[in-house]
């Protein structure tokens, strides 16, 4: 999953960047509202983590412009603006959830997972498909009840596929789930991770769709 982190405070930004990457998310970090607006016009994200008190363009303006373009990715506002009126304005402008600084990191991650589930049209916190179970909260995976260890990159390829069985994702779309702007992209990375997942989870779980990409078949 790919997240746009919009945070102008360097200490908070570095902490969140490390936290999100450790959870297996691909993260792009921008530090002002104009850069955020530009990034959102050029890249599809699974979620936006948005501060409001930004230089050059306020976070509320970024949010309103995003929704005016009919972009539907979930937006989680993380800000020190704790007035009720500010929270109501943000939610009415199109934010999906709100967390106040300083926040607990575990709560932030839980809110992110909940928003990603909602965006995928799911309520249940665990994926179960073709004998494979994965839990995004704990990063535990099993095959027919037996635990399997997945790397962060294998997880990043598997989760968007198993979340929507029958949906074909191209190699480029999967690369976007794996890498942020500053990451070096290997030319055959997706193929390598798919191969590893098939060895661990079964050859039938992830199928090639010739000329299009990969999918987890519907049961």
Protein backbone atom coordinates (compact mmCIF):
# COMPACT_ATOMS: atom_id res chain seq x y z
CA UNK A 1 0.00 0.00 0.00
CA UNK A 2 1.28 3.48 -0.85
CA UNK A 3 0.79 6.43 1.49
CA UNK A 4 1.35 10.16 1.00
CA UNK A 5 2.67 11.66 4.23
CA UNK A 6 2.10 15.42 4.41
CA UNK A 7 3.95 16.82 7.43
CA UNK A 8 6.12 19.93 7.73
CA UNK A 9 7.71 19.12 11.11
CA UNK A 10 10.97 17.24 10.31
CA UNK A 11 11.09 15.33 13.60
CA UNK A 12 7.50 14.12 13.35
CA UNK A 13 7.91 13.40 9.65
CA UNK A 14 11.02 11.28 10.15
CA UNK A 15 9.33 9.33 12.95
CA UNK A 16 6.22 8.65 10.87
CA UNK A 17 8.26 7.78 7.79
CA UNK A 18 10.24 5.16 9.72
CA UNK A 19 7.09 3.82 11.39
CA UNK A 20 5.11 3.43 8.18
CA UNK A 21 7.99 1.87 6.25
CA UNK A 22 8.57 -0.59 9.09
CA UNK A 23 4.92 -1.62 8.65
CA UNK A 24 5.57 -2.38 4.97
CA UNK A 25 3.99 0.72 3.43
CA UNK A 26 5.57 2.58 0.53
CA UNK A 27 5.69 6.22 1.64
CA UNK A 28 6.21 9.55 -0.12
CA UNK A 29 6.84 12.45 2.26
CA UNK A 30 6.16 16.09 1.36
CA UNK A 31 6.51 19.08 3.68
CA UNK A 32 4.17 21.74 2.30
CA UNK A 33 0.71 22.01 0.84
CA UNK A 34 1.72 22.89 -2.71
CA UNK A 35 3.99 19.84 -2.95
CA UNK A 36 1.16 17.71 -1.57
CA UNK A 37 -1.29 19.03 -4.15
CA UNK A 38 1.21 18.39 -6.95
CA UNK A 39 1.89 14.84 -5.70
CA UNK A 40 -1.81 14.05 -5.50
CA UNK A 41 -2.37 15.20 -9.07
CA UNK A 42 0.39 12.94 -10.38
CA UNK A 43 0.18 9.78 -8.31
CA UNK A 44 -2.51 7.41 -7.03
CA UNK A 45 -2.26 6.76 -3.30
CA UNK A 46 -4.05 4.28 -1.09
CA UNK A 47 -4.20 6.80 1.75
CA UNK A 48 -3.17 10.36 2.62
CA UNK A 49 -1.91 11.23 6.11
CA UNK A 50 -2.44 14.98 6.20
CA UNK A 51 -1.35 17.72 8.58
CA UNK A 52 -3.40 20.93 8.46
CA UNK A 53 -0.90 23.60 9.51
CA UNK A 54 1.24 23.54 6.38
CA UNK A 55 3.34 26.23 4.67
CA UNK A 56 2.51 27.57 1.19
CA UNK A 57 -0.93 25.91 1.08
CA UNK A 58 -3.03 25.00 4.10
CA UNK A 59 -3.95 21.35 4.62
CA UNK A 60 -7.64 22.16 4.46
CA UNK A 61 -7.13 23.64 0.98
CA UNK A 62 -5.25 20.50 -0.08
CA UNK A 63 -8.16 18.38 1.14
CA UNK A 64 -10.79 20.47 -0.61
CA UNK A 65 -8.84 20.41 -3.90
CA UNK A 66 -8.44 16.64 -3.63
CA UNK A 67 -12.16 16.08 -3.21
CA UNK A 68 -13.00 18.64 -5.91
CA UNK A 69 -11.01 16.44 -8.34
CA UNK A 70 -13.21 13.49 -7.28
CA UNK A 71 -10.23 11.60 -5.88
CA UNK A 72 -11.58 9.07 -3.42
CA UNK A 73 -8.57 7.80 -1.49
CA UNK A 74 -9.06 7.96 2.29
CA UNK A 75 -7.64 10.98 4.12
CA UNK A 76 -6.57 10.77 7.75
CA UNK A 77 -5.96 14.19 9.30
CA UNK A 78 -3.22 14.30 11.94
CA UNK A 79 -2.96 17.74 13.49
CA UNK A 80 -2.50 19.74 16.67
CA UNK A 81 -5.61 21.79 15.90
CA UNK A 82 -7.85 20.43 18.62
CA UNK A 83 -10.83 22.79 18.43
CA UNK A 84 -14.11 21.00 17.77
CA UNK A 85 -14.90 23.46 14.96
CA UNK A 86 -11.66 22.52 13.16
CA UNK A 87 -12.41 18.81 13.42
CA UNK A 88 -15.94 19.28 12.10
CA UNK A 89 -14.66 21.42 9.21
CA UNK A 90 -12.13 18.77 8.24
CA UNK A 91 -14.64 15.95 8.28
CA UNK A 92 -17.21 18.00 6.36
CA UNK A 93 -14.55 18.90 3.79
CA UNK A 94 -14.00 15.23 3.00
CA UNK A 95 -11.62 13.80 5.59
CA UNK A 96 -12.35 10.22 6.63
CA UNK A 97 -10.89 10.31 10.11
CA UNK A 98 -9.05 12.57 12.52
CA UNK A 99 -6.26 12.01 15.06
CA UNK A 100 -4.91 14.71 17.35
CA UNK A 101 -1.23 15.31 18.07
CA UNK A 102 0.40 14.02 20.14
CA UNK A 103 -1.05 10.62 19.25
CA UNK A 104 -0.20 7.04 20.13
CA UNK A 105 1.54 5.35 17.22
CA UNK A 106 -0.38 2.09 17.64
CA UNK A 107 -3.65 3.99 17.43
CA UNK A 108 -2.49 5.78 14.28
CA UNK A 109 -1.62 2.47 12.62
CA UNK A 110 -4.97 0.98 13.64
CA UNK A 111 -6.82 3.94 12.12
CA UNK A 112 -4.83 3.58 8.91
CA UNK A 113 -5.69 -0.12 8.67
CA UNK A 114 -9.36 0.62 9.31
CA UNK A 115 -9.47 3.25 6.57
CA UNK A 116 -7.75 0.95 4.10
CA UNK A 117 -10.26 -1.81 4.87
CA UNK A 118 -13.13 0.59 4.34
CA UNK A 119 -11.68 1.75 1.03
CA UNK A 120 -11.56 -1.88 -0.10
CA UNK A 121 -15.18 -2.42 0.89
CA UNK A 122 -14.27 -4.74 3.75
CA UNK A 123 -15.16 -4.79 7.43
CA UNK A 124 -13.38 -7.91 8.65
CA UNK A 125 -9.78 -7.29 9.86
CA UNK A 126 -8.34 -10.58 8.53
CA UNK A 127 -8.12 -11.81 4.92
CA UNK A 128 -9.05 -15.44 4.32
CA UNK A 129 -8.85 -16.87 0.80
CA UNK A 130 -7.99 -20.27 -0.69
CA UNK A 131 -6.61 -21.57 2.61
CA UNK A 132 -4.44 -18.49 3.12
CA UNK A 133 -5.06 -16.15 6.06
CA UNK A 134 -3.24 -12.87 6.61
CA UNK A 135 -3.64 -10.40 9.46
CA UNK A 136 -2.44 -6.87 8.59
CA UNK A 137 -2.45 -5.81 12.25
CA UNK A 138 0.01 -8.50 13.35
CA UNK A 139 1.64 -9.35 10.00
CA UNK A 140 0.88 -13.00 10.66
CA UNK A 141 0.20 -15.31 7.72
CA UNK A 142 -0.90 -18.93 7.64
CA UNK A 143 -1.50 -21.56 4.98
CA UNK A 144 -4.07 -24.15 6.05
CA UNK A 145 -3.41 -23.11 9.63
CA UNK A 146 0.37 -23.35 9.40
CA UNK A 147 2.37 -20.14 10.00
CA UNK A 148 4.39 -18.71 7.13
CA UNK A 149 6.99 -15.94 7.27
CA UNK A 150 6.58 -13.21 4.66
CA UNK A 151 9.01 -10.39 4.00
CA UNK A 152 7.73 -6.79 4.05
CA UNK A 153 7.96 -6.61 0.25
CA UNK A 154 6.16 -9.93 -0.22
CA UNK A 155 3.45 -8.63 2.08
CA UNK A 156 3.19 -5.41 0.06
CA UNK A 157 2.58 -7.42 -3.14
CA UNK A 158 0.19 -9.93 -1.59
CA UNK A 159 -2.13 -7.61 0.35
CA UNK A 160 -3.58 -5.57 -2.57
CA UNK A 161 -4.09 -8.77 -4.59
CA UNK A 162 -5.77 -10.84 -1.90
CA UNK A 163 -7.90 -7.88 -0.79
CA UNK A 164 -9.79 -7.92 -4.11
CA UNK A 165 -9.90 -11.39 -5.67
CA UNK A 166 -10.52 -11.26 -9.40
CA UNK A 167 -9.01 -7.78 -9.80
CA UNK A 168 -5.99 -7.69 -12.13
CA UNK A 169 -3.11 -5.44 -11.07
CA UNK A 170 -0.36 -4.60 -13.54
CA UNK A 171 3.32 -4.83 -12.68
CA UNK A 172 3.45 -1.03 -12.55
CA UNK A 173 0.52 -0.88 -10.13
CA UNK A 174 2.22 -3.39 -7.85
CA UNK A 175 5.51 -1.50 -8.07
CA UNK A 176 3.67 1.58 -6.83
CA UNK A 177 2.66 -0.42 -3.73
CA UNK A 178 6.30 -1.39 -3.17
CA UNK A 179 8.33 1.76 -3.71
CA UNK A 180 8.33 5.41 -2.71
CA UNK A 181 9.97 8.15 -4.76
CA UNK A 182 13.47 7.65 -3.37
CA UNK A 183 13.52 3.86 -3.57
CA UNK A 184 15.51 2.18 -6.29
CA UNK A 185 13.22 -0.03 -8.38
CA UNK A 186 14.56 -3.36 -9.58
CA UNK A 187 13.37 -4.25 -13.08
CA UNK A 188 12.09 -7.70 -12.06
CA UNK A 189 11.18 -7.05 -8.43
CA UNK A 190 7.49 -7.91 -8.76
CA UNK A 191 8.26 -11.19 -10.51
CA UNK A 192 10.74 -12.12 -7.77
CA UNK A 193 8.25 -11.44 -4.96
CA UNK A 194 5.42 -13.23 -6.75
CA UNK A 195 7.70 -16.25 -7.21
CA UNK A 196 8.51 -16.22 -3.49
CA UNK A 197 4.85 -15.94 -2.54
CA UNK A 198 3.91 -18.89 -4.75
CA UNK A 199 6.56 -21.05 -3.10
CA UNK A 200 5.31 -20.14 0.37
CA UNK A 201 1.56 -19.94 -0.20
CA UNK A 202 0.90 -22.26 -3.13
CA UNK A 203 1.29 -21.88 -6.88
CA UNK A 204 -2.44 -21.41 -7.49
CA UNK A 205 -2.91 -18.35 -5.27
CA UNK A 206 -1.44 -15.71 -7.60
CA UNK A 207 -2.10 -16.10 -11.31
CA UNK A 208 -0.56 -14.42 -14.32
CA UNK A 209 -2.97 -12.71 -16.67
CA UNK A 210 -1.03 -12.58 -19.92
CA UNK A 211 -0.22 -9.08 -21.03
CA UNK A 212 -2.08 -7.50 -18.10
CA UNK A 213 -0.55 -8.48 -14.77
CA UNK A 214 -1.46 -10.60 -11.75
CA UNK A 215 -4.53 -11.52 -9.77
CA UNK A 216 -5.79 -13.75 -6.98
CA UNK A 217 -8.64 -15.74 -8.52
CA UNK A 218 -12.11 -15.69 -7.06
CA UNK A 219 -13.07 -18.91 -5.30
